[in-house]
Amino acid sequence: MKALVWEAPRTMVMREQAQPHAEADEVVVKVAYAGICGSELSGYLGHNALRVPPLVMGHEFAGEIVEVGESAAQRNPAIAKGQLVTVNPLGYCGVCEFCKRGLNQLCVKRKLIGAHRPGAFAEYVTAPAELVSPLPEGMPLRVGALTEPVACGVRIGELAGDVQGEVCLVIGAGPIGLLAIQALIHQGAARIFVAELDEERLAMGAAIGGEALNPKQVDVVQVVREATGGLGAAVTIDAVGTAKTRQQCVSAVRSTGTVILSGLHEESSVMPAAEIIRREIVVRGSFAYSPANFAEALRLLAEGTIRLDPWIIEAPLAEGGQWFDRLIDAPGNVAKVLLIPQD
């Protein structure tokens, strides 16, 4: 089969590899669409210790089951050969303290398809049967491939809590920022400000219901505070991950409010600890999603409640390296790139 292999920083090469076969508890999926994730961009640059070359990345995908391991159907009775499916790429043990609490994304033994095992930037990929979800009747594979990133937005919304009638701020209008805005809208937020330096991405945030703020033109914190009578937003979300955006989220949130950190642009940065302490601000990290979040994402996509259209690009797998470069250097009005392995 053909596979797109990351071999070194900024180096993606199409290679011929052996087509995989299912272990007893696995299925083989013929990949129809595989999305490029922001976390893979840092891996592509060599800035992510989780990913080590040579590696076939790709953990956002949908396709058709073409092979079922001998015990796979026992582990997941909902699956069968020929089904159109998506896959939760985060494998988990199911018995540790976090798994028992439904926080499987924090499993001490978690393994990610596309990092710890070969991913979906290939014609075929294997997956543990219990991680496979059949697509709802009539859902296009193109939409099913968005389930994983939408689940990240659902998790952010879950951590935001009750925002009915509240003012919120999202910094960053990349894919996760756009999905977070929609999750907050779905939960009844009254106003959602979106801050973004890229004008094209800022326009995307406005198109889905955010109130656009360009930090080069306005003081984001001041605008949010003025809109809330000086109190600040109930929830602020950093979908970028720099020292500045993290500081802005703290400054813009009200006392006792919640700051959610999702962006990972910088691994570490100075945080205004004294302000967090004195104003009793809650700071939460948001990593990936639980199985329940993944199921909810699939439901919301089926309903048409959350979307990334019309900002989705479809491209042949062989052009993957070019699109990694584009998303790093000048993403513009592209919310998601879906690579197509099949001719």
C-alpha atoms as a PDB file:
ATOM      1  CA  MET A   1       0.000   0.000   0.000  1.00  0.00           C
ATOM      2  CA  LYS A   2       0.950   3.660  -0.272  1.00  0.00           C
ATOM      3  CA  ALA A   3       1.784   5.550   2.905  1.00  0.00           C
ATOM      4  CA  LEU A   4       2.946   9.083   3.684  1.00  0.00           C
ATOM      5  CA  VAL A   5       5.939   8.737   6.000  1.00  0.00           C
ATOM      6  CA  TRP A   6       7.363  11.507   8.164  1.00  0.00           C
ATOM      7  CA  GLU A   7      11.115  10.909   8.022  1.00  0.00           C
ATOM      8  CA  ALA A   8      12.654  14.081   9.469  1.00  0.00           C
ATOM      9  CA  PRO A   9      11.644  17.657  10.339  1.00  0.00           C
ATOM     10  CA  ARG A  10       9.679  19.090   7.388  1.00  0.00           C
ATOM     11  CA  THR A  11      10.225  15.893   5.391  1.00  0.00           C
ATOM     12  CA  MET A  12       7.261  13.764   4.248  1.00  0.00           C
ATOM     13  CA  VAL A  13       7.826  11.036   1.657  1.00  0.00           C
ATOM     14  CA  MET A  14       5.402   8.671  -0.087  1.00  0.00           C
ATOM     15  CA  ARG A  15       6.515   5.077   0.416  1.00  0.00           C
ATOM     16  CA  GLU A  16       5.316   1.586  -0.491  1.00  0.00           C
ATOM     17  CA  GLN A  17       4.630  -0.472   2.626  1.00  0.00           C
ATOM     18  CA  ALA A  18       3.126  -3.861   3.382  1.00  0.00           C
ATOM     19  CA  GLN A  19      -0.631  -3.732   3.798  1.00  0.00           C
ATOM     20  CA  PRO A  20      -1.457  -4.434   7.458  1.00  0.00           C
ATOM     21  CA  HIS A  21      -3.593  -7.316   8.675  1.00  0.00           C
ATOM     22  CA  ALA A  22      -5.791  -7.388  11.757  1.00  0.00           C
ATOM     23  CA  GLU A  23      -4.698  -8.991  14.992  1.00  0.00           C
ATOM     24  CA  ALA A  24      -7.422 -10.983  16.759  1.00  0.00           C
ATOM     25  CA  ASP A  25      -8.871  -7.929  18.552  1.00  0.00           C
ATOM     26  CA  GLU A  26      -8.432  -5.460  15.685  1.00  0.00           C
ATOM     27  CA  VAL A  27      -9.982  -4.343  12.425  1.00  0.00           C
ATOM     28  CA  VAL A  28      -8.397  -3.046   9.245  1.00  0.00           C
ATOM     29  CA  VAL A  29      -9.897   0.178   7.918  1.00  0.00           C
ATOM     30  CA  LYS A  30      -9.569   1.272   4.310  1.00  0.00           C
ATOM     31  CA  VAL A  31      -8.971   4.980   4.833  1.00  0.00           C
ATOM     32  CA  ALA A  32     -11.197   7.389   2.920  1.00  0.00           C
ATOM     33  CA  TYR A  33     -10.223  10.668   4.613  1.00  0.00           C
ATOM     34  CA  ALA A  34      -7.526  11.521   7.141  1.00  0.00           C
ATOM     35  CA  GLY A  35      -7.298  14.989   8.664  1.00  0.00           C
ATOM     36  CA  ILE A  36      -4.142  16.902   9.580  1.00  0.00           C
ATOM     37  CA  CYS A  37      -4.134  17.822  13.283  1.00  0.00           C
ATOM     38  CA  GLY A  38      -2.384  20.802  14.838  1.00  0.00           C
ATOM     39  CA  SER A  39      -0.450  18.502  17.160  1.00  0.00           C
ATOM     40  CA  GLU A  40       0.983  16.794  14.086  1.00  0.00           C
ATOM     41  CA  LEU A  41       2.282  20.114  12.801  1.00  0.00           C
ATOM     42  CA  SER A  42       4.593  20.413  15.809  1.00  0.00           C
ATOM     43  CA  GLY A  43       5.604  16.795  15.267  1.00  0.00           C
ATOM     44  CA  TYR A  44       6.369  17.541  11.617  1.00  0.00           C
ATOM     45  CA  LEU A  45       8.712  20.312  12.763  1.00  0.00           C
ATOM     46  CA  GLY A  46      10.425  17.960  15.206  1.00  0.00           C
ATOM     47  CA  HIS A  47       9.085  19.778  18.289  1.00  0.00           C
ATOM     48  CA  ASN A  48       7.005  16.931  19.703  1.00  0.00           C
ATOM     49  CA  ALA A  49       8.651  14.177  21.748  1.00  0.00           C
ATOM     50  CA  LEU A  50       5.598  11.931  21.326  1.00  0.00           C
ATOM     51  CA  ARG A  51       6.337  11.433  17.637  1.00  0.00           C
ATOM     52  CA  VAL A  52       9.577   9.839  16.482  1.00  0.00           C
ATOM     53  CA  PRO A  53      10.486   9.373  12.790  1.00  0.00           C
ATOM     54  CA  PRO A  54      10.083   7.396  10.641  1.00  0.00           C
ATOM     55  CA  LEU A  55       6.365   7.494  11.344  1.00  0.00           C
ATOM     56  CA  VAL A  56       3.034   7.284   9.548  1.00  0.00           C
ATOM     57  CA  MET A  57       0.981   9.939  11.322  1.00  0.00           C
ATOM     58  CA  GLY A  58      -2.780  10.459  11.076  1.00  0.00           C
ATOM     59  CA  HIS A  59      -5.321  10.017  13.877  1.00  0.00           C
ATOM     60  CA  GLU A  60      -8.393  11.860  12.527  1.00  0.00           C
ATOM     61  CA  PHE A  61      -9.968   9.539   9.985  1.00  0.00           C
ATOM     62  CA  ALA A  62     -12.903   7.632   8.591  1.00  0.00           C
ATOM     63  CA  GLY A  63     -13.185   4.727   6.207  1.00  0.00           C
ATOM     64  CA  GLU A  64     -14.543   1.241   5.581  1.00  0.00           C
ATOM     65  CA  ILE A  65     -13.840  -1.904   7.601  1.00  0.00           C
ATOM     66  CA  VAL A  66     -12.260  -4.424   5.235  1.00  0.00           C
ATOM     67  CA  GLU A  67     -11.001  -7.016   7.707  1.00  0.00           C
ATOM     68  CA  VAL A  68     -12.221  -8.089  11.154  1.00  0.00           C
ATOM     69  CA  GLY A  69     -10.031  -9.997  13.607  1.00  0.00           C
ATOM     70  CA  GLU A  70     -11.365 -13.293  14.973  1.00  0.00           C
ATOM     71  CA  SER A  71     -12.292 -11.857  18.386  1.00  0.00           C
ATOM     72  CA  ALA A  72     -12.947  -8.245  17.316  1.00  0.00           C
ATOM     73  CA  ALA A  73     -16.725  -8.602  17.064  1.00  0.00           C
ATOM     74  CA  GLN A  74     -16.824  -9.975  20.610  1.00  0.00           C
ATOM     75  CA  ARG A  75     -15.038  -6.859  21.859  1.00  0.00           C
ATOM     76  CA  ASN A  76     -17.330  -4.579  19.852  1.00  0.00           C
ATOM     77  CA  PRO A  77     -20.582  -6.222  18.659  1.00  0.00           C
ATOM     78  CA  ALA A  78     -21.546  -3.064  16.738  1.00  0.00           C
ATOM     79  CA  ILE A  79     -18.919  -3.584  14.036  1.00  0.00           C
ATOM     80  CA  ALA A  80     -18.855  -5.715  10.880  1.00  0.00           C
ATOM     81  CA  LYS A  81     -16.949  -5.953   7.639  1.00  0.00           C
ATOM     82  CA  GLY A  82     -18.120  -3.406   5.087  1.00  0.00           C
ATOM     83  CA  GLN A  83     -19.216  -0.807   7.660  1.00  0.00           C
ATOM     84  CA  LEU A  84     -18.335   2.847   7.320  1.00  0.00           C
ATOM     85  CA  VAL A  85     -16.648   3.913  10.539  1.00  0.00           C
ATOM     86  CA  THR A  86     -14.578   6.436  12.393  1.00  0.00           C
ATOM     87  CA  VAL A  87     -12.110   5.609  15.150  1.00  0.00           C
ATOM     88  CA  ASN A  88     -11.248   7.060  18.534  1.00  0.00           C
ATOM     89  CA  PRO A  89      -7.455   6.963  18.152  1.00  0.00           C
ATOM     90  CA  LEU A  90      -6.701   7.078  21.887  1.00  0.00           C
ATOM     91  CA  GLY A  91      -6.272   3.538  23.171  1.00  0.00           C
ATOM     92  CA  TYR A  92      -6.657   2.974  26.905  1.00  0.00           C
ATOM     93  CA  CYS A  93      -6.364   0.160  29.450  1.00  0.00           C
ATOM     94  CA  GLY A  94      -9.899   0.439  30.840  1.00  0.00           C
ATOM     95  CA  VAL A  95      -8.909  -0.507  34.411  1.00  0.00           C
ATOM     96  CA  CYS A  96      -6.766   2.322  35.799  1.00  0.00           C
ATOM     97  CA  GLU A  97      -8.157   5.012  38.100  1.00  0.00           C
ATOM     98  CA  PHE A  98      -8.748   7.469  35.248  1.00  0.00           C
ATOM     99  CA  CYS A  99     -10.451   4.918  33.018  1.00  0.00           C
ATOM    100  CA  LYS A 100     -12.751   3.952  35.904  1.00  0.00           C
ATOM    101  CA  ARG A 101     -13.759   7.625  36.186  1.00  0.00           C
ATOM    102  CA  GLY A 102     -14.519   7.876  32.453  1.00  0.00           C
ATOM    103  CA  LEU A 103     -11.400   9.959  31.825  1.00  0.00           C
ATOM    104  CA  ASN A 104      -9.841   7.430  29.476  1.00  0.00           C
ATOM    105  CA  GLN A 105      -7.899  10.174  27.690  1.00  0.00           C
ATOM    106  CA  LEU A 106      -5.774  10.423  30.849  1.00  0.00           C
ATOM    107  CA  CYS A 107      -5.103   6.676  31.028  1.00  0.00           C
ATOM    108  CA  VAL A 108      -1.607   5.983  32.328  1.00  0.00           C
ATOM    109  CA  LYS A 109      -1.116   3.503  29.472  1.00  0.00           C
ATOM    110  CA  ARG A 110      -2.773   5.459  26.656  1.00  0.00           C
ATOM    111  CA  LYS A 111      -1.515   4.818  23.128  1.00  0.00           C
ATOM    112  CA  LEU A 112      -2.282   7.040  20.144  1.00  0.00           C
ATOM    113  CA  ILE A 113      -2.806   5.786  16.614  1.00  0.00           C
ATOM    114  CA  GLY A 114      -0.427   7.803  14.458  1.00  0.00           C
ATOM    115  CA  ALA A 115       2.162   8.147  17.230  1.00  0.00           C
ATOM    116  CA  HIS A 116       2.606   4.903  19.161  1.00  0.00           C
ATOM    117  CA  ARG A 117       1.430   2.800  16.212  1.00  0.00           C
ATOM    118  CA  PRO A 118       1.064   3.485  12.454  1.00  0.00           C
ATOM    119  CA  GLY A 119      -1.621   6.018  11.586  1.00  0.00           C
ATOM    120  CA  ALA A 120      -4.072   6.830   8.840  1.00  0.00           C
ATOM    121  CA  PHE A 121      -1.872   8.711   6.377  1.00  0.00           C
ATOM    122  CA  ALA A 122      -1.953   5.480   4.389  1.00  0.00           C
ATOM    123  CA  GLU A 123      -4.375   3.431   2.329  1.00  0.00           C
ATOM    124  CA  TYR A 124      -5.070   1.081   5.245  1.00  0.00           C
ATOM    125  CA  VAL A 125      -4.749   1.295   9.029  1.00  0.00           C
ATOM    126  CA  THR A 126      -5.403  -1.119  11.886  1.00  0.00           C
ATOM    127  CA  ALA A 127      -7.334  -0.164  15.018  1.00  0.00           C
ATOM    128  CA  PRO A 128      -8.439  -1.916  18.224  1.00  0.00           C
ATOM    129  CA  ALA A 129     -12.045  -3.018  17.774  1.00  0.00           C
ATOM    130  CA  GLU A 130     -13.317  -1.282  20.920  1.00  0.00           C
ATOM    131  CA  LEU A 131     -12.242   2.109  19.534  1.00  0.00           C
ATOM    132  CA  VAL A 132     -14.307   1.817  16.339  1.00  0.00           C
ATOM    133  CA  SER A 133     -17.643   3.645  15.902  1.00  0.00           C
ATOM    134  CA  PRO A 134     -19.995   2.983  12.963  1.00  0.00           C
ATOM    135  CA  LEU A 135     -21.094   6.199  11.269  1.00  0.00           C
ATOM    136  CA  PRO A 136     -24.753   7.164  11.685  1.00  0.00           C
ATOM    137  CA  GLU A 137     -26.963   6.273   8.729  1.00  0.00           C
ATOM    138  CA  GLY A 138     -26.347   8.662   5.846  1.00  0.00           C
ATOM    139  CA  MET A 139     -23.320  10.412   7.325  1.00  0.00           C
ATOM    140  CA  PRO A 140     -20.687  11.021   4.632  1.00  0.00           C
ATOM    141  CA  LEU A 141     -17.211   9.680   5.341  1.00  0.00           C
ATOM    142  CA  ARG A 142     -15.913  13.223   4.885  1.00  0.00           C
ATOM    143  CA  VAL A 143     -17.977  14.335   7.882  1.00  0.00           C
ATOM    144  CA  GLY A 144     -17.146  11.249   9.923  1.00  0.00           C
ATOM    145  CA  ALA A 145     -13.443  12.095   9.661  1.00  0.00           C
ATOM    146  CA  LEU A 146     -14.112  15.257  11.689  1.00  0.00           C
ATOM    147  CA  THR A 147     -15.303  13.350  14.776  1.00  0.00           C
ATOM    148  CA  GLU A 148     -11.947  13.399  16.555  1.00  0.00           C
ATOM    149  CA  PRO A 149     -11.338  17.175  16.418  1.00  0.00           C
ATOM    150  CA  VAL A 150     -15.003  17.870  17.205  1.00  0.00           C
ATOM    151  CA  ALA A 151     -14.602  15.692  20.306  1.00  0.00           C
ATOM    152  CA  CYS A 152     -11.825  18.042  21.449  1.00  0.00           C
ATOM    153  CA  GLY A 153     -14.281  20.941  21.169  1.00  0.00           C
ATOM    154  CA  VAL A 154     -16.914  18.960  23.071  1.00  0.00           C
ATOM    155  CA  ARG A 155     -14.448  18.360  25.915  1.00  0.00           C
ATOM    156  CA  ILE A 156     -13.659  22.079  26.117  1.00  0.00           C
ATOM    157  CA  GLY A 157     -17.372  22.804  26.315  1.00  0.00           C
ATOM    158  CA  GLU A 158     -17.770  20.208  29.055  1.00  0.00           C
ATOM    159  CA  LEU A 159     -15.014  21.833  31.112  1.00  0.00           C
ATOM    160  CA  ALA A 160     -16.530  25.286  30.546  1.00  0.00           C
ATOM    161  CA  GLY A 161     -19.623  24.124  32.436  1.00  0.00           C
ATOM    162  CA  ASP A 162     -22.815  26.167  32.647  1.00  0.00           C
ATOM    163  CA  VAL A 163     -22.341  29.160  30.340  1.00  0.00           C
ATOM    164  CA  GLN A 164     -26.047  29.803  29.718  1.00  0.00           C
ATOM    165  CA  GLY A 165     -26.438  33.548  29.169  1.00  0.00           C
ATOM    166  CA  GLU A 166     -22.759  34.251  29.860  1.00  0.00           C
ATOM    167  CA  VAL A 167     -20.012  36.135  28.036  1.00  0.00           C
ATOM    168  CA  CYS A 168     -17.014  34.048  26.935  1.00  0.00           C
ATOM    169  CA  LEU A 169     -13.735  34.643  25.115  1.00  0.00           C
ATOM    170  CA  VAL A 170     -11.926  32.280  22.749  1.00  0.00           C
ATOM    171  CA  ILE A 171      -8.401  33.210  21.665  1.00  0.00           C
ATOM    172  CA  GLY A 172      -7.422  31.539  18.409  1.00  0.00           C
ATOM    173  CA  ALA A 173      -9.656  30.745  15.438  1.00  0.00           C
ATOM    174  CA  GLY A 174      -7.904  27.630  14.223  1.00  0.00           C
ATOM    175  CA  PRO A 175      -9.872  24.365  14.103  1.00  0.00           C
ATOM    176  CA  ILE A 176     -10.060  23.883  17.884  1.00  0.00           C
ATOM    177  CA  GLY A 177     -10.977  27.512  18.480  1.00  0.00           C
ATOM    178  CA  LEU A 178     -13.754  27.309  15.888  1.00  0.00           C
ATOM    179  CA  LEU A 179     -15.087  24.117  17.443  1.00  0.00           C
ATOM    180  CA  ALA A 180     -14.889  25.581  20.958  1.00  0.00           C
ATOM    181  CA  ILE A 181     -16.975  28.571  19.843  1.00  0.00           C
ATOM    182  CA  GLN A 182     -19.639  26.256  18.496  1.00  0.00           C
ATOM    183  CA  ALA A 183     -19.619  24.138  21.655  1.00  0.00           C
ATOM    184  CA  LEU A 184     -20.207  27.277  23.752  1.00  0.00           C
ATOM    185  CA  ILE A 185     -23.006  28.422  21.435  1.00  0.00           C
ATOM    186  CA  HIS A 186     -24.594  24.988  21.757  1.00  0.00           C
ATOM    187  CA  GLN A 187     -24.471  25.384  25.544  1.00  0.00           C
ATOM    188  CA  GLY A 188     -26.258  28.720  25.448  1.00  0.00           C
ATOM    189  CA  ALA A 189     -23.518  31.337  25.854  1.00  0.00           C
ATOM    190  CA  ALA A 190     -24.954  34.805  25.210  1.00  0.00           C
ATOM    191  CA  ARG A 191     -21.843  36.382  23.648  1.00  0.00           C
ATOM    192  CA  ILE A 192     -18.581  34.828  22.530  1.00  0.00           C
ATOM    193  CA  PHE A 193     -15.685  37.071  21.624  1.00  0.00           C
ATOM    194  CA  VAL A 194     -13.049  35.527  19.357  1.00  0.00           C
ATOM    195  CA  ALA A 195      -9.548  36.990  19.104  1.00  0.00           C
ATOM    196  CA  GLU A 196      -7.270  36.100  16.199  1.00  0.00           C
ATOM    197  CA  LEU A 197      -4.362  37.829  14.413  1.00  0.00           C
ATOM    198  CA  ASP A 198      -5.010  36.245  10.982  1.00  0.00           C
ATOM    199  CA  GLU A 199      -7.821  38.212   9.314  1.00  0.00           C
ATOM    200  CA  GLU A 200      -9.029  35.246   7.269  1.00  0.00           C
ATOM    201  CA  ARG A 201      -9.281  33.037  10.318  1.00  0.00           C
ATOM    202  CA  LEU A 202     -10.895  35.843  12.293  1.00  0.00           C
ATOM    203  CA  ALA A 203     -13.568  36.056   9.582  1.00  0.00           C
ATOM    204  CA  MET A 204     -14.175  32.321  10.012  1.00  0.00           C
ATOM    205  CA  GLY A 205     -14.713  32.834  13.732  1.00  0.00           C
ATOM    206  CA  ALA A 206     -17.200  35.623  13.025  1.00  0.00           C
ATOM    207  CA  ALA A 207     -19.043  33.506  10.451  1.00  0.00           C
ATOM    208  CA  ILE A 208     -19.887  30.842  13.039  1.00  0.00           C
ATOM    209  CA  GLY A 209     -21.129  33.304  15.642  1.00  0.00           C
ATOM    210  CA  GLY A 210     -18.122  34.851  17.363  1.00  0.00           C
ATOM    211  CA  GLU A 211     -17.644  38.600  17.842  1.00  0.00           C
ATOM    212  CA  ALA A 212     -14.363  39.324  16.076  1.00  0.00           C
ATOM    213  CA  LEU A 213     -11.444  41.036  17.820  1.00  0.00           C
ATOM    214  CA  ASN A 214      -8.116  41.614  16.084  1.00  0.00           C
ATOM    215  CA  PRO A 215      -5.437  42.050  18.790  1.00  0.00           C
ATOM    216  CA  LYS A 216      -3.462  44.253  16.380  1.00  0.00           C
ATOM    217  CA  GLN A 217      -6.329  46.747  16.334  1.00  0.00           C
ATOM    218  CA  VAL A 218      -7.963  46.551  19.767  1.00  0.00           C
ATOM    219  CA  ASP A 219      -7.074  45.694  23.362  1.00  0.00           C
ATOM    220  CA  VAL A 220      -8.814  42.328  23.717  1.00  0.00           C
ATOM    221  CA  VAL A 221      -8.900  42.377  27.508  1.00  0.00           C
ATOM    222  CA  GLN A 222     -10.272  45.921  27.618  1.00  0.00           C
ATOM    223  CA  VAL A 223     -13.051  45.147  25.116  1.00  0.00           C
ATOM    224  CA  VAL A 224     -14.160  42.077  27.077  1.00  0.00           C
ATOM    225  CA  ARG A 225     -14.116  43.925  30.388  1.00  0.00           C
ATOM    226  CA  GLU A 226     -16.077  46.868  28.969  1.00  0.00           C
ATOM    227  CA  ALA A 227     -18.662  44.458  27.549  1.00  0.00           C
ATOM    228  CA  THR A 228     -19.141  42.909  30.999  1.00  0.00           C
ATOM    229  CA  GLY A 229     -19.308  46.073  33.100  1.00  0.00           C
ATOM    230  CA  GLY A 230     -15.727  45.552  34.255  1.00  0.00           C
ATOM    231  CA  LEU A 231     -16.273  42.021  35.565  1.00  0.00           C
ATOM    232  CA  GLY A 232     -14.654  40.004  32.797  1.00  0.00           C
ATOM    233  CA  ALA A 233     -15.787  36.897  30.918  1.00  0.00           C
ATOM    234  CA  ALA A 234     -17.192  33.888  32.750  1.00  0.00           C
ATOM    235  CA  VAL A 235     -14.938  31.573  30.728  1.00  0.00           C
ATOM    236  CA  THR A 236     -11.873  32.271  28.620  1.00  0.00           C
ATOM    237  CA  ILE A 237     -10.284  29.676  26.328  1.00  0.00           C
ATOM    238  CA  ASP A 238      -6.744  29.762  24.977  1.00  0.00           C
ATOM    239  CA  ALA A 239      -6.649  27.787  21.740  1.00  0.00           C
ATOM    240  CA  VAL A 240      -3.207  29.129  20.799  1.00  0.00           C
ATOM    241  CA  GLY A 241      -0.832  28.446  23.654  1.00  0.00           C
ATOM    242  CA  THR A 242       1.665  31.296  24.032  1.00  0.00           C
ATOM    243  CA  ALA A 243       2.699  33.267  27.096  1.00  0.00           C
ATOM    244  CA  LYS A 244       0.786  36.279  25.794  1.00  0.00           C
ATOM    245  CA  THR A 245      -2.471  34.467  25.013  1.00  0.00           C
ATOM    246  CA  ARG A 246      -2.404  32.662  28.353  1.00  0.00           C
ATOM    247  CA  GLN A 247      -1.884  35.996  30.120  1.00  0.00           C
ATOM    248  CA  GLN A 248      -4.754  37.547  28.139  1.00  0.00           C
ATOM    249  CA  CYS A 249      -7.089  34.736  29.184  1.00  0.00           C
ATOM    250  CA  VAL A 250      -6.301  35.298  32.850  1.00  0.00           C
ATOM    251  CA  SER A 251      -6.651  39.077  32.562  1.00  0.00           C
ATOM    252  CA  ALA A 252      -9.956  38.853  30.665  1.00  0.00           C
ATOM    253  CA  VAL A 253     -11.702  36.359  32.959  1.00  0.00           C
ATOM    254  CA  ARG A 254     -13.761  37.500  35.937  1.00  0.00           C
ATOM    255  CA  SER A 255     -12.790  36.695  39.497  1.00  0.00           C
ATOM    256  CA  THR A 256     -13.763  33.067  40.268  1.00  0.00           C
ATOM    257  CA  GLY A 257     -14.096  32.508  36.505  1.00  0.00           C
ATOM    258  CA  THR A 258     -12.587  29.647  34.507  1.00  0.00           C
ATOM    259  CA  VAL A 259      -9.583  29.740  32.185  1.00  0.00           C
ATOM    260  CA  ILE A 260      -9.258  26.718  29.872  1.00  0.00           C
ATOM    261  CA  LEU A 261      -5.866  26.066  28.320  1.00  0.00           C
ATOM    262  CA  SER A 262      -5.980  23.984  25.154  1.00  0.00           C
ATOM    263  CA  GLY A 263      -3.309  25.435  22.859  1.00  0.00           C
ATOM    264  CA  LEU A 264       0.178  23.936  23.021  1.00  0.00           C
ATOM    265  CA  HIS A 265       2.209  26.321  20.865  1.00  0.00           C
ATOM    266  CA  GLU A 266       4.651  26.812  23.739  1.00  0.00           C
ATOM    267  CA  GLU A 267       5.401  23.863  26.025  1.00  0.00           C
ATOM    268  CA  SER A 268       5.892  26.186  28.996  1.00  0.00           C
ATOM    269  CA  SER A 269       5.436  29.860  29.789  1.00  0.00           C
ATOM    270  CA  VAL A 270       5.225  32.255  32.722  1.00  0.00           C
ATOM    271  CA  MET A 271       1.735  32.427  34.260  1.00  0.00           C
ATOM    272  CA  PRO A 272       0.437  35.327  36.414  1.00  0.00           C
ATOM    273  CA  ALA A 273       0.186  33.225  39.574  1.00  0.00           C
ATOM    274  CA  ALA A 274      -0.473  36.123  41.961  1.00  0.00           C
ATOM    275  CA  GLU A 275      -3.457  37.282  39.910  1.00  0.00           C
ATOM    276  CA  ILE A 276      -4.842  33.747  39.714  1.00  0.00           C
ATOM    277  CA  ILE A 277      -4.530  33.421  43.498  1.00  0.00           C
ATOM    278  CA  ARG A 278      -5.895  36.841  44.451  1.00  0.00           C
ATOM    279  CA  ARG A 279      -8.916  36.580  42.162  1.00  0.00           C
ATOM    280  CA  GLU A 280      -9.536  32.870  42.858  1.00  0.00           C
ATOM    281  CA  ILE A 281      -9.458  32.003  39.160  1.00  0.00           C
ATOM    282  CA  VAL A 282      -9.876  28.353  38.119  1.00  0.00           C
ATOM    283  CA  VAL A 283      -7.342  27.248  35.493  1.00  0.00           C
ATOM    284  CA  ARG A 284      -8.076  23.980  33.673  1.00  0.00           C
ATOM    285  CA  GLY A 285      -6.153  22.112  31.046  1.00  0.00           C
ATOM    286  CA  SER A 286      -8.162  20.448  28.281  1.00  0.00           C
ATOM    287  CA  PHE A 287      -6.562  17.410  26.682  1.00  0.00           C
ATOM    288  CA  ALA A 288      -8.302  15.414  23.971  1.00  0.00           C
ATOM    289  CA  TYR A 289     -11.655  13.860  24.981  1.00  0.00           C
ATOM    290  CA  SER A 290     -13.324  10.991  26.802  1.00  0.00           C
ATOM    291  CA  PRO A 291     -15.164   8.173  24.986  1.00  0.00           C
ATOM    292  CA  ALA A 292     -18.396   9.936  25.986  1.00  0.00           C
ATOM    293  CA  ASN A 293     -17.155  13.160  24.379  1.00  0.00           C
ATOM    294  CA  PHE A 294     -16.295  11.213  21.212  1.00  0.00           C
ATOM    295  CA  ALA A 295     -19.799   9.747  21.054  1.00  0.00           C
ATOM    296  CA  GLU A 296     -21.320  13.189  21.619  1.00  0.00           C
ATOM    297  CA  ALA A 297     -19.181  14.627  18.814  1.00  0.00           C
ATOM    298  CA  LEU A 298     -20.490  12.003  16.402  1.00  0.00           C
ATOM    299  CA  ARG A 299     -24.055  12.868  17.438  1.00  0.00           C
ATOM    300  CA  LEU A 300     -23.534  16.617  16.985  1.00  0.00           C
ATOM    301  CA  LEU A 301     -22.036  16.072  13.537  1.00  0.00           C
ATOM    302  CA  ALA A 302     -24.992  13.888  12.566  1.00  0.00           C
ATOM    303  CA  GLU A 303     -27.350  16.665  13.669  1.00  0.00           C
ATOM    304  CA  GLY A 304     -25.371  19.327  11.790  1.00  0.00           C
ATOM    305  CA  THR A 305     -24.907  21.280  15.029  1.00  0.00           C
ATOM    306  CA  ILE A 306     -21.132  21.645  14.592  1.00  0.00           C
ATOM    307  CA  ARG A 307     -19.285  22.137  11.339  1.00  0.00           C
ATOM    308  CA  LEU A 308     -16.000  23.157   9.744  1.00  0.00           C
ATOM    309  CA  ASP A 309     -17.404  23.678   6.271  1.00  0.00           C
ATOM    310  CA  PRO A 310     -16.911  25.584   4.038  1.00  0.00           C
ATOM    311  CA  TRP A 311     -13.283  25.792   5.151  1.00  0.00           C
ATOM    312  CA  ILE A 312     -12.285  22.181   4.471  1.00  0.00           C
ATOM    313  CA  ILE A 313      -9.707  21.286   1.823  1.00  0.00           C
ATOM    314  CA  GLU A 314      -9.524  17.820   0.275  1.00  0.00           C
ATOM    315  CA  ALA A 315      -6.140  16.834  -1.165  1.00  0.00           C
ATOM    316  CA  PRO A 316      -4.393  13.675  -2.388  1.00  0.00           C
ATOM    317  CA  LEU A 317      -2.235  11.961   0.232  1.00  0.00           C
ATOM    318  CA  ALA A 318       0.827  12.577  -1.932  1.00  0.00           C
ATOM    319  CA  GLU A 319       0.379  16.344  -1.409  1.00  0.00           C
ATOM    320  CA  GLY A 320       0.379  15.952   2.366  1.00  0.00           C
ATOM    321  CA  GLY A 321       3.820  17.448   2.906  1.00  0.00           C
ATOM    322  CA  GLN A 322       2.861  20.577   0.980  1.00  0.00           C
ATOM    323  CA  TRP A 323      -0.243  21.020   3.116  1.00  0.00           C
ATOM    324  CA  PHE A 324       1.726  20.568   6.333  1.00  0.00           C
ATOM    325  CA  ASP A 325       3.966  23.424   5.155  1.00  0.00           C
ATOM    326  CA  ARG A 326       0.972  25.583   4.222  1.00  0.00           C
ATOM    327  CA  LEU A 327      -0.738  25.071   7.587  1.00  0.00           C
ATOM    328  CA  ILE A 328       2.474  26.000   9.405  1.00  0.00           C
ATOM    329  CA  ASP A 329       3.499  28.968   7.280  1.00  0.00           C
ATOM    330  CA  ALA A 330       0.243  30.588   6.102  1.00  0.00           C
ATOM    331  CA  PRO A 331      -2.955  28.698   6.985  1.00  0.00           C
ATOM    332  CA  GLY A 332      -5.405  31.450   5.992  1.00  0.00           C
ATOM    333  CA  ASN A 333      -9.038  30.419   5.642  1.00  0.00           C
ATOM    334  CA  VAL A 334      -8.418  26.680   5.926  1.00  0.00           C
ATOM    335  CA  ALA A 335      -9.977  25.006   8.973  1.00  0.00           C
ATOM    336  CA  LYS A 336      -9.128  21.419   8.101  1.00  0.00           C
ATOM    337  CA  VAL A 337      -7.171  19.556   5.432  1.00  0.00           C
ATOM    338  CA  LEU A 338      -8.466  16.056   4.676  1.00  0.00           C
ATOM    339  CA  LEU A 339      -5.963  13.846   2.870  1.00  0.00           C
ATOM    340  CA  ILE A 340      -7.331  11.188   0.514  1.00  0.00           C
ATOM    341  CA  PRO A 341      -5.181   8.027   0.264  1.00  0.00           C
ATOM    342  CA  GLN A 342      -7.220   6.241  -2.408  1.00  0.00           C
ATOM    343  CA  ASP A 343      -6.951   7.094  -6.104  1.00  0.00           C
END
